[in-house]
């Protein structure tokens, strides 16, 4: 029964996040353009390595999940 509650809360969170991104797209426009994100664009080649964005997302999710577990 506990897994069902977690899935319901995760679904509601994703719905809320999707609505925010749909109606306020400029709110998170900075994400992916942080210093430390590597972007190489040349003719015929595009490489994007979001190192800083991945680290920030990992930190936020770790803190959020630790708060939920307590």
Protein backbone atom coordinates (compact mmCIF):
# COMPACT_ATOMS: atom_id res chain seq x y z
CA UNK A 1 0.00 0.00 0.00
CA UNK A 2 2.92 2.35 0.66
CA UNK A 3 4.21 2.02 -2.92
CA UNK A 4 0.80 3.08 -4.21
CA UNK A 5 0.91 6.30 -2.20
CA UNK A 6 4.40 7.07 -3.44
CA UNK A 7 3.30 6.57 -7.05
CA UNK A 8 0.26 8.80 -6.56
CA UNK A 9 2.36 11.59 -5.01
CA UNK A 10 5.01 11.25 -7.72
CA UNK A 11 2.29 11.47 -10.39
CA UNK A 12 0.78 14.58 -8.81
CA UNK A 13 4.23 16.16 -8.57
CA UNK A 14 4.94 15.42 -12.24
CA UNK A 15 1.53 16.81 -13.23
CA UNK A 16 2.22 20.00 -11.26
CA UNK A 17 5.70 20.32 -12.77
CA UNK A 18 4.33 19.74 -16.26
CA UNK A 19 1.70 22.46 -15.81
CA UNK A 20 4.33 24.90 -14.59
CA UNK A 21 6.56 24.16 -17.59
CA UNK A 22 3.61 24.43 -19.96
CA UNK A 23 2.27 27.77 -18.73
CA UNK A 24 5.49 29.38 -17.50
CA UNK A 25 8.24 28.17 -19.88
CA UNK A 26 10.63 31.04 -19.08
CA UNK A 27 10.65 30.14 -15.39
CA UNK A 28 13.26 27.40 -15.95
CA UNK A 29 14.90 28.81 -19.10
CA UNK A 30 18.18 29.21 -17.19
CA UNK A 31 18.39 25.49 -16.54
CA UNK A 32 20.82 23.93 -19.00
CA UNK A 33 22.68 27.18 -19.56
CA UNK A 34 24.66 27.24 -16.33
CA UNK A 35 28.40 27.87 -16.17
CA UNK A 36 29.93 24.42 -16.34
CA UNK A 37 27.56 23.09 -18.99
CA UNK A 38 29.58 22.25 -22.08
CA UNK A 39 28.05 23.19 -25.42
CA UNK A 40 29.91 22.68 -28.70
CA UNK A 41 28.15 23.76 -31.87
CA UNK A 42 29.91 23.49 -35.20
CA UNK A 43 28.74 22.90 -38.72
CA UNK A 44 27.27 19.41 -38.76
CA UNK A 45 27.99 18.77 -35.07
CA UNK A 46 26.18 19.62 -31.86
CA UNK A 47 27.42 18.31 -28.52
CA UNK A 48 25.83 19.24 -25.20
CA UNK A 49 27.10 17.97 -21.86
CA UNK A 50 25.08 19.42 -18.92
CA UNK A 51 27.55 18.82 -16.09
CA UNK A 52 26.55 21.72 -13.81
CA UNK A 53 22.83 21.24 -14.46
CA UNK A 54 23.09 17.52 -13.64
CA UNK A 55 24.94 18.23 -10.41
CA UNK A 56 22.37 20.85 -9.37
CA UNK A 57 19.46 18.54 -10.16
CA UNK A 58 21.12 15.69 -8.25
CA UNK A 59 21.66 17.91 -5.21
CA UNK A 60 18.06 19.18 -5.22
CA UNK A 61 16.59 15.69 -5.60
CA UNK A 62 18.85 14.29 -2.87
CA UNK A 63 17.79 17.00 -0.43
CA UNK A 64 14.12 16.60 -1.36
CA UNK A 65 14.15 12.81 -0.98
CA UNK A 66 15.98 13.04 2.36
CA UNK A 67 13.34 15.46 3.63
CA UNK A 68 10.54 13.15 2.48
CA UNK A 69 12.12 10.10 4.15
CA UNK A 70 12.21 11.82 7.56
